[in-house]
Amino acid sequence: MSVPRIYVDLHNLDDDNRVRLTCAGTLKDLEQEGIALHEGLPLSFYTDDADDQGHPDPLYVDGVVEFDATARSWVARMDWPRLRHASQDGTVT
């Protein structure tokens, strides 16, 4: 089964270098995919980016969902060493 990619803002980090799952694009994708967040949920994420010529080349990264009890919000701990452009996966459209 293929894991859907969920939009995130990779600049929206908390103090533990986790991405906050609060932006409108993230919430929209989660709703469209019917995904209910829970601790330990593995997801694949993307954000908009471009190559040196300005052509779309999204960034992809996998992560695991966590609940930040202090902030009372959902975050994702990303596998930062595996951050890559879609062109590296051969999936740019």
C-alpha atoms as a PDB file:
ATOM      1  CA  MET A   1       0.000   0.000   0.000  1.00  0.00           C
ATOM      2  CA  SER A   2       1.352   3.400  -1.011  1.00  0.00           C
ATOM      3  CA  VAL A   3       1.655   6.063   1.690  1.00  0.00           C
ATOM      4  CA  PRO A   4       0.205   9.412   0.579  1.00  0.00           C
ATOM      5  CA  ARG A   5       2.488  12.432   0.683  1.00  0.00           C
ATOM      6  CA  ILE A   6       1.287  15.205   2.944  1.00  0.00           C
ATOM      7  CA  TYR A   7       2.235  18.857   2.443  1.00  0.00           C
ATOM      8  CA  VAL A   8       4.300  20.495   5.206  1.00  0.00           C
ATOM      9  CA  ASP A   9       6.089  23.775   5.744  1.00  0.00           C
ATOM     10  CA  LEU A  10       9.634  22.589   6.489  1.00  0.00           C
ATOM     11  CA  HIS A  11      10.427  26.020   7.954  1.00  0.00           C
ATOM     12  CA  ASN A  12       7.772  25.600  10.676  1.00  0.00           C
ATOM     13  CA  LEU A  13      10.020  23.874  13.224  1.00  0.00           C
ATOM     14  CA  ASP A  14       9.672  23.600  16.979  1.00  0.00           C
ATOM     15  CA  ASP A  15      12.596  23.750  19.434  1.00  0.00           C
ATOM     16  CA  ASP A  16      13.196  19.995  18.977  1.00  0.00           C
ATOM     17  CA  ASN A  17      13.613  20.358  15.187  1.00  0.00           C
ATOM     18  CA  ARG A  18      10.244  18.703  14.552  1.00  0.00           C
ATOM     19  CA  VAL A  19       7.875  20.088  11.918  1.00  0.00           C
ATOM     20  CA  ARG A  20       4.573  21.443  13.200  1.00  0.00           C
ATOM     21  CA  LEU A  21       1.623  19.875  11.389  1.00  0.00           C
ATOM     22  CA  THR A  22      -0.524  22.985  11.612  1.00  0.00           C
ATOM     23  CA  CYS A  23      -0.380  24.767   8.246  1.00  0.00           C
ATOM     24  CA  ALA A  24      -3.453  24.955   6.021  1.00  0.00           C
ATOM     25  CA  GLY A  25      -1.912  22.766   3.290  1.00  0.00           C
ATOM     26  CA  THR A  26      -1.090  20.035   5.798  1.00  0.00           C
ATOM     27  CA  LEU A  27      -4.577  20.049   7.287  1.00  0.00           C
ATOM     28  CA  LYS A  28      -6.141  20.002   3.817  1.00  0.00           C
ATOM     29  CA  ASP A  29      -4.063  17.006   2.679  1.00  0.00           C
ATOM     30  CA  LEU A  30      -4.767  15.095   5.902  1.00  0.00           C
ATOM     31  CA  GLU A  31      -8.494  15.687   5.493  1.00  0.00           C
ATOM     32  CA  GLN A  32      -8.496  14.744   1.794  1.00  0.00           C
ATOM     33  CA  GLU A  33      -6.630  11.515   2.553  1.00  0.00           C
ATOM     34  CA  GLY A  34      -8.822  10.726   5.570  1.00  0.00           C
ATOM     35  CA  ILE A  35      -5.805  10.508   7.868  1.00  0.00           C
ATOM     36  CA  ALA A  36      -6.297  10.813  11.623  1.00  0.00           C
ATOM     37  CA  LEU A  37      -3.036  11.659  13.340  1.00  0.00           C
ATOM     38  CA  HIS A  38      -1.788   9.440  16.159  1.00  0.00           C
ATOM     39  CA  GLU A  39       1.499   8.791  17.951  1.00  0.00           C
ATOM     40  CA  GLY A  40       3.948   6.795  15.877  1.00  0.00           C
ATOM     41  CA  LEU A  41       2.126   7.204  12.554  1.00  0.00           C
ATOM     42  CA  PRO A  42       4.706   7.091   9.738  1.00  0.00           C
ATOM     43  CA  LEU A  43       4.001   9.521   6.901  1.00  0.00           C
ATOM     44  CA  SER A  44       5.704  10.812   3.805  1.00  0.00           C
ATOM     45  CA  PHE A  45       5.862  14.595   3.448  1.00  0.00           C
ATOM     46  CA  TYR A  46       6.582  17.104   0.693  1.00  0.00           C
ATOM     47  CA  THR A  47       7.090  20.811   0.304  1.00  0.00           C
ATOM     48  CA  ASP A  48       7.413  23.042  -2.738  1.00  0.00           C
ATOM     49  CA  ASP A  49      10.877  23.747  -4.117  1.00  0.00           C
ATOM     50  CA  ALA A  50      12.494  24.346  -7.491  1.00  0.00           C
ATOM     51  CA  ASP A  51      15.658  23.412  -9.347  1.00  0.00           C
ATOM     52  CA  ASP A  52      18.309  25.926 -10.424  1.00  0.00           C
ATOM     53  CA  GLN A  53      16.314  26.738 -13.578  1.00  0.00           C
ATOM     54  CA  GLY A  54      13.143  27.456 -11.593  1.00  0.00           C
ATOM     55  CA  HIS A  55      11.340  24.245 -12.552  1.00  0.00           C
ATOM     56  CA  PRO A  56       9.253  22.584  -9.806  1.00  0.00           C
ATOM     57  CA  ASP A  57      11.265  20.010  -7.863  1.00  0.00           C
ATOM     58  CA  PRO A  58       9.497  19.309  -4.547  1.00  0.00           C
ATOM     59  CA  LEU A  59      11.390  18.176  -1.487  1.00  0.00           C
ATOM     60  CA  TYR A  60      10.421  14.801   0.044  1.00  0.00           C
ATOM     61  CA  VAL A  61      11.096  13.508   3.535  1.00  0.00           C
ATOM     62  CA  ASP A  62       9.637  10.764   5.704  1.00  0.00           C
ATOM     63  CA  GLY A  63       8.678  11.301   9.303  1.00  0.00           C
ATOM     64  CA  VAL A  64       6.848   9.942  12.304  1.00  0.00           C
ATOM     65  CA  VAL A  65       3.980  11.762  13.984  1.00  0.00           C
ATOM     66  CA  GLU A  66       4.277  12.778  17.648  1.00  0.00           C
ATOM     67  CA  PHE A  67       2.013  14.768  19.941  1.00  0.00           C
ATOM     68  CA  ASP A  68       3.655  17.731  21.650  1.00  0.00           C
ATOM     69  CA  ALA A  69       1.857  17.824  25.001  1.00  0.00           C
ATOM     70  CA  THR A  70       3.383  21.176  25.970  1.00  0.00           C
ATOM     71  CA  ALA A  71       2.235  22.938  22.781  1.00  0.00           C
ATOM     72  CA  ARG A  72      -0.831  20.673  22.534  1.00  0.00           C
ATOM     73  CA  SER A  73      -0.278  20.126  18.827  1.00  0.00           C
ATOM     74  CA  TRP A  74       0.829  17.470  16.358  1.00  0.00           C
ATOM     75  CA  VAL A  75       4.377  17.475  15.024  1.00  0.00           C
ATOM     76  CA  ALA A  76       6.508  15.150  12.913  1.00  0.00           C
ATOM     77  CA  ARG A  77      10.030  13.996  13.651  1.00  0.00           C
ATOM     78  CA  MET A  78      11.649  13.974  10.220  1.00  0.00           C
ATOM     79  CA  ASP A  79      14.344  11.672   8.907  1.00  0.00           C
ATOM     80  CA  TRP A  80      16.417  14.720   7.922  1.00  0.00           C
ATOM     81  CA  PRO A  81      19.362  12.776   6.442  1.00  0.00           C
ATOM     82  CA  ARG A  82      16.938  11.338   3.860  1.00  0.00           C
ATOM     83  CA  LEU A  83      15.592  14.747   2.721  1.00  0.00           C
ATOM     84  CA  ARG A  84      15.696  14.693  -1.073  1.00  0.00           C
ATOM     85  CA  HIS A  85      14.366  16.382  -4.189  1.00  0.00           C
ATOM     86  CA  ALA A  86      11.750  14.629  -6.299  1.00  0.00           C
ATOM     87  CA  SER A  87      14.245  14.611  -9.178  1.00  0.00           C
ATOM     88  CA  GLN A  88      16.491  12.362  -7.077  1.00  0.00           C
ATOM     89  CA  ASP A  89      13.615   9.846  -6.932  1.00  0.00           C
ATOM     90  CA  GLY A  90      12.828  10.301 -10.609  1.00  0.00           C
ATOM     91  CA  THR A  91       9.316  11.486  -9.732  1.00  0.00           C
ATOM     92  CA  VAL A  92       9.214  15.081 -10.981  1.00  0.00           C
ATOM     93  CA  THR A  93       6.182  15.680 -13.167  1.00  0.00           C
END
